[in-house]
Amino acid sequence: MKTLKLVNFSIKLEPKSIDFLLLFINIILASLFAYTAYEKIMDHKRFMNGIAKVEIIGGLAFLISWTVPIVELVIAAMLLVPQTLRIGLWCFLGMMTIFSVYILIALIWASKLPCHCGGVIETLSWPEHLWFNIAFILLSLVAIRLDRIKK
């Protein structure tokens, strides 16, 4: 039996439970990136136009509008392949951190807050979106910890 320890909170888990929980979290994380990438690609023009309106990155709208969904799809795939899981988790964490910093900067300094995330996620307010991202960051940290315990 292995122990999952988060701060001063620990849970004893059987190896099969760790495998199941890790797979479940990976599917959730991969689904998020696959869904948002799909939405960005299917409505690419709107996504690119939204990015073009952001002062700091607007000049790179075309490049960003293709790079972000492609990277999201690659990370989603990495999360589902055991050989690339660890790097996929770290990449997911990095991307979500970048997205969250972008949201935080926009909340602090932007006069207009355009959202171009795609799908139902666009219905979230910016503070809700930040909390949503933080929840997924925490979930990815749990998965990274589970993966370390598993090894």
N, C-alpha and C. Protein backbone atom coordinates (compact mmCIF):
# COMPACT_ATOMS: atom_id res chain seq x y z
N MET A 1 0.85 -1.17 0.00
CA MET A 1 0.00 0.00 0.00
C MET A 1 0.90 1.23 0.00
N LYS A 2 0.57 2.19 -0.83
CA LYS A 2 1.36 3.41 -0.94
C LYS A 2 0.57 4.58 -0.37
N THR A 3 1.28 5.64 -0.02
CA THR A 3 0.65 6.79 0.61
C THR A 3 0.75 8.00 -0.29
N LEU A 4 -0.38 8.66 -0.49
CA LEU A 4 -0.42 9.93 -1.20
C LEU A 4 -0.42 11.01 -0.14
N LYS A 5 0.65 11.82 -0.11
CA LYS A 5 0.75 12.86 0.90
C LYS A 5 0.70 14.22 0.22
N LEU A 6 -0.27 15.02 0.59
CA LEU A 6 -0.41 16.37 0.08
C LEU A 6 -0.38 17.30 1.29
N VAL A 7 0.63 18.11 1.39
CA VAL A 7 0.88 18.99 2.53
C VAL A 7 0.91 18.10 3.78
N ASN A 8 0.00 18.30 4.73
CA ASN A 8 -0.04 17.47 5.93
C ASN A 8 -1.24 16.55 5.91
N PHE A 9 -1.69 16.20 4.74
CA PHE A 9 -2.86 15.35 4.56
C PHE A 9 -2.43 14.15 3.75
N SER A 10 -2.62 12.95 4.27
CA SER A 10 -2.20 11.78 3.53
C SER A 10 -3.33 10.76 3.46
N ILE A 11 -3.32 10.02 2.35
CA ILE A 11 -4.31 8.98 2.10
C ILE A 11 -3.56 7.73 1.70
N LYS A 12 -3.89 6.61 2.31
CA LYS A 12 -3.27 5.34 1.91
C LYS A 12 -4.08 4.76 0.76
N LEU A 13 -3.38 4.46 -0.34
CA LEU A 13 -4.04 3.94 -1.54
C LEU A 13 -3.35 2.67 -2.00
N GLU A 14 -4.15 1.73 -2.44
CA GLU A 14 -3.63 0.51 -3.07
C GLU A 14 -3.07 0.87 -4.44
N PRO A 15 -2.10 0.12 -4.94
CA PRO A 15 -1.55 0.41 -6.28
C PRO A 15 -2.61 0.46 -7.38
N LYS A 16 -3.61 -0.42 -7.32
CA LYS A 16 -4.67 -0.38 -8.34
C LYS A 16 -5.50 0.89 -8.24
N SER A 17 -5.70 1.38 -7.02
CA SER A 17 -6.44 2.63 -6.82
C SER A 17 -5.66 3.81 -7.38
N ILE A 18 -4.35 3.78 -7.18
CA ILE A 18 -3.49 4.84 -7.73
C ILE A 18 -3.58 4.83 -9.25
N ASP A 19 -3.48 3.64 -9.84
CA ASP A 19 -3.57 3.52 -11.31
C ASP A 19 -4.89 4.07 -11.82
N PHE A 20 -5.99 3.69 -11.16
CA PHE A 20 -7.32 4.13 -11.59
C PHE A 20 -7.46 5.64 -11.44
N LEU A 21 -7.06 6.18 -10.30
CA LEU A 21 -7.19 7.61 -10.05
C LEU A 21 -6.34 8.41 -11.03
N LEU A 22 -5.13 7.94 -11.29
CA LEU A 22 -4.26 8.62 -12.23
C LEU A 22 -4.85 8.60 -13.64
N LEU A 23 -5.35 7.45 -14.05
CA LEU A 23 -5.99 7.35 -15.37
C LEU A 23 -7.20 8.29 -15.46
N PHE A 24 -8.02 8.30 -14.42
CA PHE A 24 -9.21 9.15 -14.39
C PHE A 24 -8.84 10.62 -14.52
N ILE A 25 -7.85 11.06 -13.75
CA ILE A 25 -7.41 12.46 -13.81
C ILE A 25 -6.83 12.76 -15.20
N ASN A 26 -6.03 11.85 -15.73
CA ASN A 26 -5.43 12.07 -17.06
C ASN A 26 -6.49 12.22 -18.14
N ILE A 27 -7.54 11.43 -18.05
CA ILE A 27 -8.64 11.53 -19.02
C ILE A 27 -9.32 12.89 -18.90
N ILE A 28 -9.53 13.36 -17.68
CA ILE A 28 -10.14 14.67 -17.47
C ILE A 28 -9.26 15.78 -18.06
N LEU A 29 -7.97 15.74 -17.75
CA LEU A 29 -7.05 16.76 -18.25
C LEU A 29 -6.96 16.73 -19.78
N ALA A 30 -6.83 15.52 -20.34
CA ALA A 30 -6.74 15.38 -21.79
C ALA A 30 -8.04 15.86 -22.45
N SER A 31 -9.17 15.54 -21.84
CA SER A 31 -10.46 15.96 -22.40
C SER A 31 -10.59 17.47 -22.45
N LEU A 32 -10.11 18.14 -21.40
CA LEU A 32 -10.17 19.60 -21.39
C LEU A 32 -9.39 20.18 -22.57
N PHE A 33 -8.15 19.73 -22.75
CA PHE A 33 -7.33 20.28 -23.83
C PHE A 33 -7.86 19.85 -25.20
N ALA A 34 -8.33 18.63 -25.33
CA ALA A 34 -8.87 18.19 -26.62
C ALA A 34 -10.11 19.01 -26.98
N TYR A 35 -10.98 19.24 -26.00
CA TYR A 35 -12.21 20.01 -26.23
C TYR A 35 -11.89 21.45 -26.62
N THR A 36 -11.03 22.11 -25.85
CA THR A 36 -10.75 23.52 -26.15
C THR A 36 -9.99 23.65 -27.47
N ALA A 37 -9.10 22.71 -27.77
CA ALA A 37 -8.39 22.75 -29.06
C ALA A 37 -9.38 22.59 -30.21
N TYR A 38 -10.29 21.64 -30.07
CA TYR A 38 -11.31 21.42 -31.10
C TYR A 38 -12.11 22.70 -31.34
N GLU A 39 -12.56 23.33 -30.28
CA GLU A 39 -13.36 24.56 -30.40
C GLU A 39 -12.56 25.67 -31.08
N LYS A 40 -11.30 25.79 -30.72
CA LYS A 40 -10.45 26.84 -31.32
C LYS A 40 -10.21 26.59 -32.81
N ILE A 41 -10.07 25.34 -33.18
CA ILE A 41 -9.83 25.00 -34.59
C ILE A 41 -11.13 25.14 -35.40
N MET A 42 -12.24 24.68 -34.85
CA MET A 42 -13.51 24.73 -35.58
C MET A 42 -13.99 26.16 -35.83
N ASP A 43 -13.67 27.05 -34.89
CA ASP A 43 -14.05 28.45 -35.07
C ASP A 43 -12.77 29.29 -35.07
N HIS A 44 -11.84 28.88 -35.92
CA HIS A 44 -10.50 29.46 -35.93
C HIS A 44 -10.51 30.97 -36.18
N LYS A 45 -11.30 31.41 -37.11
CA LYS A 45 -11.31 32.83 -37.46
C LYS A 45 -11.69 33.69 -36.25
N ARG A 46 -12.73 33.28 -35.54
CA ARG A 46 -13.16 34.02 -34.36
C ARG A 46 -12.08 33.99 -33.28
N PHE A 47 -11.44 32.82 -33.08
CA PHE A 47 -10.38 32.68 -32.11
C PHE A 47 -9.20 33.59 -32.47
N MET A 48 -8.79 33.58 -33.73
CA MET A 48 -7.68 34.42 -34.17
C MET A 48 -8.02 35.91 -34.05
N ASN A 49 -9.24 36.29 -34.40
CA ASN A 49 -9.66 37.68 -34.28
C ASN A 49 -9.68 38.14 -32.82
N GLY A 50 -10.06 37.23 -31.93
CA GLY A 50 -10.04 37.55 -30.51
C GLY A 50 -8.63 37.81 -30.01
N ILE A 51 -7.70 36.98 -30.43
CA ILE A 51 -6.30 37.17 -30.04
C ILE A 51 -5.75 38.46 -30.63
N ALA A 52 -6.15 38.78 -31.86
CA ALA A 52 -5.66 39.99 -32.53
C ALA A 52 -6.03 41.25 -31.78
N LYS A 53 -7.09 41.20 -30.97
CA LYS A 53 -7.55 42.37 -30.22
C LYS A 53 -6.76 42.59 -28.93
N VAL A 54 -5.95 41.64 -28.54
CA VAL A 54 -5.15 41.77 -27.32
C VAL A 54 -3.87 42.52 -27.67
N GLU A 55 -3.68 43.65 -27.00
CA GLU A 55 -2.59 44.57 -27.35
C GLU A 55 -1.21 43.91 -27.39
N ILE A 56 -0.85 43.19 -26.37
CA ILE A 56 0.51 42.67 -26.25
C ILE A 56 0.82 41.58 -27.27
N ILE A 57 -0.15 40.72 -27.55
CA ILE A 57 0.10 39.57 -28.42
C ILE A 57 -0.62 39.64 -29.76
N GLY A 58 -1.35 40.70 -29.99
CA GLY A 58 -2.16 40.83 -31.21
C GLY A 58 -1.40 40.65 -32.50
N GLY A 59 -0.15 41.11 -32.54
CA GLY A 59 0.66 40.99 -33.74
C GLY A 59 1.04 39.55 -34.08
N LEU A 60 0.92 38.69 -33.10
CA LEU A 60 1.26 37.28 -33.30
C LEU A 60 0.00 36.41 -33.38
N ALA A 61 -1.12 37.02 -33.65
CA ALA A 61 -2.40 36.31 -33.60
C ALA A 61 -2.44 35.07 -34.48
N PHE A 62 -1.95 35.17 -35.71
CA PHE A 62 -2.01 34.02 -36.60
C PHE A 62 -1.19 32.86 -36.04
N LEU A 63 0.04 33.15 -35.63
CA LEU A 63 0.91 32.12 -35.07
C LEU A 63 0.32 31.51 -33.80
N ILE A 64 -0.13 32.33 -32.89
CA ILE A 64 -0.69 31.85 -31.62
C ILE A 64 -1.97 31.06 -31.86
N SER A 65 -2.79 31.53 -32.81
CA SER A 65 -4.09 30.88 -33.04
C SER A 65 -3.96 29.46 -33.57
N TRP A 66 -2.83 29.14 -34.16
CA TRP A 66 -2.59 27.76 -34.60
C TRP A 66 -1.73 27.00 -33.59
N THR A 67 -0.78 27.67 -32.99
CA THR A 67 0.13 27.00 -32.06
C THR A 67 -0.59 26.48 -30.82
N VAL A 68 -1.44 27.31 -30.22
CA VAL A 68 -2.10 26.92 -28.97
C VAL A 68 -2.94 25.66 -29.14
N PRO A 69 -3.87 25.58 -30.10
CA PRO A 69 -4.65 24.34 -30.20
C PRO A 69 -3.82 23.12 -30.59
N ILE A 70 -2.79 23.31 -31.40
CA ILE A 70 -1.94 22.17 -31.77
C ILE A 70 -1.19 21.66 -30.54
N VAL A 71 -0.64 22.57 -29.76
CA VAL A 71 0.06 22.18 -28.54
C VAL A 71 -0.91 21.51 -27.56
N GLU A 72 -2.13 22.04 -27.45
CA GLU A 72 -3.13 21.41 -26.58
C GLU A 72 -3.43 19.98 -27.02
N LEU A 73 -3.55 19.75 -28.32
CA LEU A 73 -3.81 18.40 -28.82
C LEU A 73 -2.63 17.47 -28.56
N VAL A 74 -1.43 17.96 -28.75
CA VAL A 74 -0.24 17.14 -28.49
C VAL A 74 -0.17 16.77 -27.00
N ILE A 75 -0.41 17.74 -26.13
CA ILE A 75 -0.39 17.47 -24.69
C ILE A 75 -1.50 16.49 -24.31
N ALA A 76 -2.68 16.66 -24.88
CA ALA A 76 -3.79 15.74 -24.60
C ALA A 76 -3.39 14.31 -24.97
N ALA A 77 -2.75 14.14 -26.11
CA ALA A 77 -2.30 12.81 -26.53
C ALA A 77 -1.23 12.28 -25.58
N MET A 78 -0.31 13.14 -25.18
CA MET A 78 0.76 12.72 -24.28
C MET A 78 0.21 12.22 -22.94
N LEU A 79 -0.89 12.82 -22.50
CA LEU A 79 -1.50 12.43 -21.22
C LEU A 79 -2.12 11.04 -21.28
N LEU A 80 -2.38 10.55 -22.46
CA LEU A 80 -3.03 9.24 -22.62
C LEU A 80 -2.08 8.11 -22.97
N VAL A 81 -0.82 8.45 -23.21
CA VAL A 81 0.18 7.44 -23.56
C VAL A 81 1.11 7.25 -22.35
N PRO A 82 1.16 6.06 -21.79
CA PRO A 82 1.98 5.84 -20.58
C PRO A 82 3.44 6.31 -20.71
N GLN A 83 4.05 6.14 -21.87
CA GLN A 83 5.45 6.51 -22.05
C GLN A 83 5.67 8.03 -22.03
N THR A 84 4.63 8.80 -22.31
CA THR A 84 4.78 10.26 -22.35
C THR A 84 3.98 10.96 -21.25
N LEU A 85 3.41 10.16 -20.36
CA LEU A 85 2.53 10.71 -19.32
C LEU A 85 3.21 11.78 -18.48
N ARG A 86 4.38 11.48 -17.96
CA ARG A 86 5.04 12.42 -17.04
C ARG A 86 5.30 13.76 -17.72
N ILE A 87 5.87 13.74 -18.91
CA ILE A 87 6.13 15.01 -19.61
C ILE A 87 4.82 15.69 -19.98
N GLY A 88 3.79 14.91 -20.31
CA GLY A 88 2.48 15.47 -20.61
C GLY A 88 1.89 16.20 -19.41
N LEU A 89 2.05 15.61 -18.24
CA LEU A 89 1.54 16.26 -17.01
C LEU A 89 2.26 17.58 -16.76
N TRP A 90 3.58 17.57 -16.92
CA TRP A 90 4.34 18.81 -16.71
C TRP A 90 4.00 19.86 -17.77
N CYS A 91 3.80 19.42 -19.00
CA CYS A 91 3.41 20.36 -20.06
C CYS A 91 2.01 20.93 -19.79
N PHE A 92 1.09 20.07 -19.34
CA PHE A 92 -0.25 20.54 -19.00
C PHE A 92 -0.16 21.59 -17.91
N LEU A 93 0.59 21.29 -16.87
CA LEU A 93 0.76 22.23 -15.76
C LEU A 93 1.35 23.55 -16.26
N GLY A 94 2.35 23.47 -17.13
CA GLY A 94 2.95 24.69 -17.67
C GLY A 94 1.98 25.52 -18.49
N MET A 95 1.24 24.87 -19.37
CA MET A 95 0.26 25.59 -20.20
C MET A 95 -0.83 26.24 -19.34
N MET A 96 -1.35 25.48 -18.39
CA MET A 96 -2.40 26.04 -17.53
C MET A 96 -1.88 27.19 -16.69
N THR A 97 -0.63 27.11 -16.28
CA THR A 97 -0.02 28.21 -15.53
C THR A 97 0.11 29.44 -16.41
N ILE A 98 0.55 29.25 -17.66
CA ILE A 98 0.65 30.37 -18.60
C ILE A 98 -0.73 30.99 -18.84
N PHE A 99 -1.74 30.15 -19.07
CA PHE A 99 -3.10 30.66 -19.28
C PHE A 99 -3.57 31.44 -18.05
N SER A 100 -3.27 30.94 -16.87
CA SER A 100 -3.72 31.59 -15.63
C SER A 100 -3.01 32.93 -15.41
N VAL A 101 -1.72 32.97 -15.70
CA VAL A 101 -0.99 34.24 -15.59
C VAL A 101 -1.55 35.25 -16.57
N TYR A 102 -1.87 34.81 -17.78
CA TYR A 102 -2.49 35.68 -18.78
C TYR A 102 -3.81 36.25 -18.25
N ILE A 103 -4.63 35.39 -17.66
CA ILE A 103 -5.92 35.84 -17.11
C ILE A 103 -5.69 36.83 -15.98
N LEU A 104 -4.75 36.53 -15.10
CA LEU A 104 -4.46 37.41 -13.98
C LEU A 104 -3.98 38.78 -14.46
N ILE A 105 -3.09 38.78 -15.44
CA ILE A 105 -2.61 40.05 -16.01
C ILE A 105 -3.76 40.81 -16.64
N ALA A 106 -4.62 40.11 -17.37
CA ALA A 106 -5.76 40.76 -18.01
C ALA A 106 -6.71 41.35 -16.97
N LEU A 107 -6.94 40.63 -15.88
CA LEU A 107 -7.81 41.13 -14.82
C LEU A 107 -7.24 42.38 -14.17
N ILE A 108 -5.93 42.43 -14.05
CA ILE A 108 -5.30 43.58 -13.39
C ILE A 108 -5.17 44.78 -14.32
N TRP A 109 -4.75 44.55 -15.57
CA TRP A 109 -4.40 45.68 -16.43
C TRP A 109 -5.29 45.93 -17.64
N ALA A 110 -6.01 44.95 -18.12
CA ALA A 110 -6.75 45.14 -19.37
C ALA A 110 -8.03 45.94 -19.15
N SER A 111 -8.30 46.82 -20.10
CA SER A 111 -9.56 47.57 -20.04
C SER A 111 -10.69 46.75 -20.63
N LYS A 112 -10.39 45.97 -21.66
CA LYS A 112 -11.36 45.05 -22.26
C LYS A 112 -10.88 43.64 -21.98
N LEU A 113 -11.81 42.76 -21.70
CA LEU A 113 -11.45 41.38 -21.41
C LEU A 113 -12.09 40.42 -22.41
N PRO A 114 -11.48 40.30 -23.58
CA PRO A 114 -12.04 39.35 -24.56
C PRO A 114 -11.66 37.92 -24.18
N CYS A 115 -12.62 37.01 -24.24
CA CYS A 115 -12.31 35.60 -24.00
C CYS A 115 -12.46 34.86 -25.32
N HIS A 116 -11.48 34.05 -25.63
CA HIS A 116 -11.49 33.31 -26.87
C HIS A 116 -11.02 31.88 -26.62
N CYS A 117 -11.51 31.32 -25.52
CA CYS A 117 -11.08 29.97 -25.12
C CYS A 117 -11.81 28.89 -25.89
N GLY A 118 -13.01 29.15 -26.28
CA GLY A 118 -13.79 28.17 -27.03
C GLY A 118 -14.80 27.45 -26.17
N GLY A 119 -15.96 27.23 -26.76
CA GLY A 119 -17.01 26.41 -26.13
C GLY A 119 -17.60 27.02 -24.88
N VAL A 120 -18.07 26.15 -24.01
CA VAL A 120 -18.78 26.59 -22.80
C VAL A 120 -17.86 27.31 -21.83
N ILE A 121 -16.56 27.13 -21.96
CA ILE A 121 -15.63 27.80 -21.05
C ILE A 121 -15.72 29.32 -21.22
N GLU A 122 -16.10 29.76 -22.41
CA GLU A 122 -16.25 31.20 -22.64
C GLU A 122 -17.39 31.81 -21.83
N THR A 123 -18.29 30.99 -21.32
CA THR A 123 -19.40 31.52 -20.54
C THR A 123 -18.97 31.90 -19.12
N LEU A 124 -17.78 31.48 -18.71
CA LEU A 124 -17.29 31.82 -17.38
C LEU A 124 -16.86 33.28 -17.34
N SER A 125 -17.06 33.92 -16.20
CA SER A 125 -16.49 35.26 -16.02
C SER A 125 -14.98 35.09 -15.88
N TRP A 126 -14.24 36.19 -15.98
CA TRP A 126 -12.79 36.07 -15.88
C TRP A 126 -12.34 35.57 -14.51
N PRO A 127 -12.91 36.05 -13.40
CA PRO A 127 -12.52 35.47 -12.11
C PRO A 127 -12.90 33.98 -12.01
N GLU A 128 -14.05 33.59 -12.54
CA GLU A 128 -14.43 32.18 -12.54
C GLU A 128 -13.46 31.36 -13.38
N HIS A 129 -13.05 31.93 -14.49
CA HIS A 129 -12.10 31.26 -15.37
C HIS A 129 -10.77 31.03 -14.65
N LEU A 130 -10.34 32.02 -13.89
CA LEU A 130 -9.10 31.88 -13.12
C LEU A 130 -9.22 30.75 -12.10
N TRP A 131 -10.35 30.70 -11.38
CA TRP A 131 -10.57 29.62 -10.41
C TRP A 131 -10.67 28.26 -11.09
N PHE A 132 -11.29 28.22 -12.25
CA PHE A 132 -11.37 27.00 -13.05
C PHE A 132 -9.96 26.50 -13.38
N ASN A 133 -9.11 27.42 -13.85
CA ASN A 133 -7.73 27.06 -14.18
C ASN A 133 -6.96 26.59 -12.95
N ILE A 134 -7.16 27.27 -11.83
CA ILE A 134 -6.47 26.89 -10.60
C ILE A 134 -6.88 25.47 -10.19
N ALA A 135 -8.16 25.15 -10.35
CA ALA A 135 -8.63 23.80 -10.02
C ALA A 135 -7.93 22.76 -10.90
N PHE A 136 -7.76 23.06 -12.18
CA PHE A 136 -7.08 22.12 -13.08
C PHE A 136 -5.58 22.07 -12.81
N ILE A 137 -5.01 23.17 -12.37
CA ILE A 137 -3.60 23.16 -11.97
C ILE A 137 -3.42 22.23 -10.77
N LEU A 138 -4.30 22.36 -9.79
CA LEU A 138 -4.24 21.50 -8.60
C LEU A 138 -4.44 20.03 -8.98
N LEU A 139 -5.38 19.79 -9.87
CA LEU A 139 -5.63 18.42 -10.33
C LEU A 139 -4.39 17.83 -11.02
N SER A 140 -3.72 18.65 -11.81
CA SER A 140 -2.50 18.16 -12.47
C SER A 140 -1.39 17.92 -11.45
N LEU A 141 -1.32 18.73 -10.40
CA LEU A 141 -0.33 18.50 -9.35
C LEU A 141 -0.60 17.19 -8.61
N VAL A 142 -1.88 16.88 -8.38
CA VAL A 142 -2.24 15.61 -7.76
C VAL A 142 -1.79 14.46 -8.67
N ALA A 143 -2.02 14.60 -9.97
CA ALA A 143 -1.63 13.55 -10.92
C ALA A 143 -0.11 13.39 -10.95
N ILE A 144 0.63 14.48 -10.90
CA ILE A 144 2.09 14.40 -10.87
C ILE A 144 2.54 13.67 -9.62
N ARG A 145 1.91 13.97 -8.50
CA ARG A 145 2.25 13.31 -7.23
C ARG A 145 1.91 11.81 -7.30
N LEU A 146 0.75 11.48 -7.84
CA LEU A 146 0.36 10.08 -8.00
C LEU A 146 1.34 9.33 -8.90
N ASP A 147 1.76 9.99 -9.97
CA ASP A 147 2.72 9.37 -10.88
C ASP A 147 4.04 9.11 -10.18
N ARG A 148 4.47 10.02 -9.34
CA ARG A 148 5.72 9.81 -8.59
C ARG A 148 5.57 8.64 -7.61
N ILE A 149 4.43 8.55 -6.95
CA ILE A 149 4.19 7.46 -6.00
C ILE A 149 4.18 6.13 -6.74
N LYS A 150 3.57 6.13 -7.89
CA LYS A 150 3.47 4.91 -8.70
C LYS A 150 4.84 4.40 -9.10
N LYS A 151 5.76 5.30 -9.41
CA LYS A 151 7.11 4.90 -9.84
C LYS A 151 7.89 4.49 -8.62
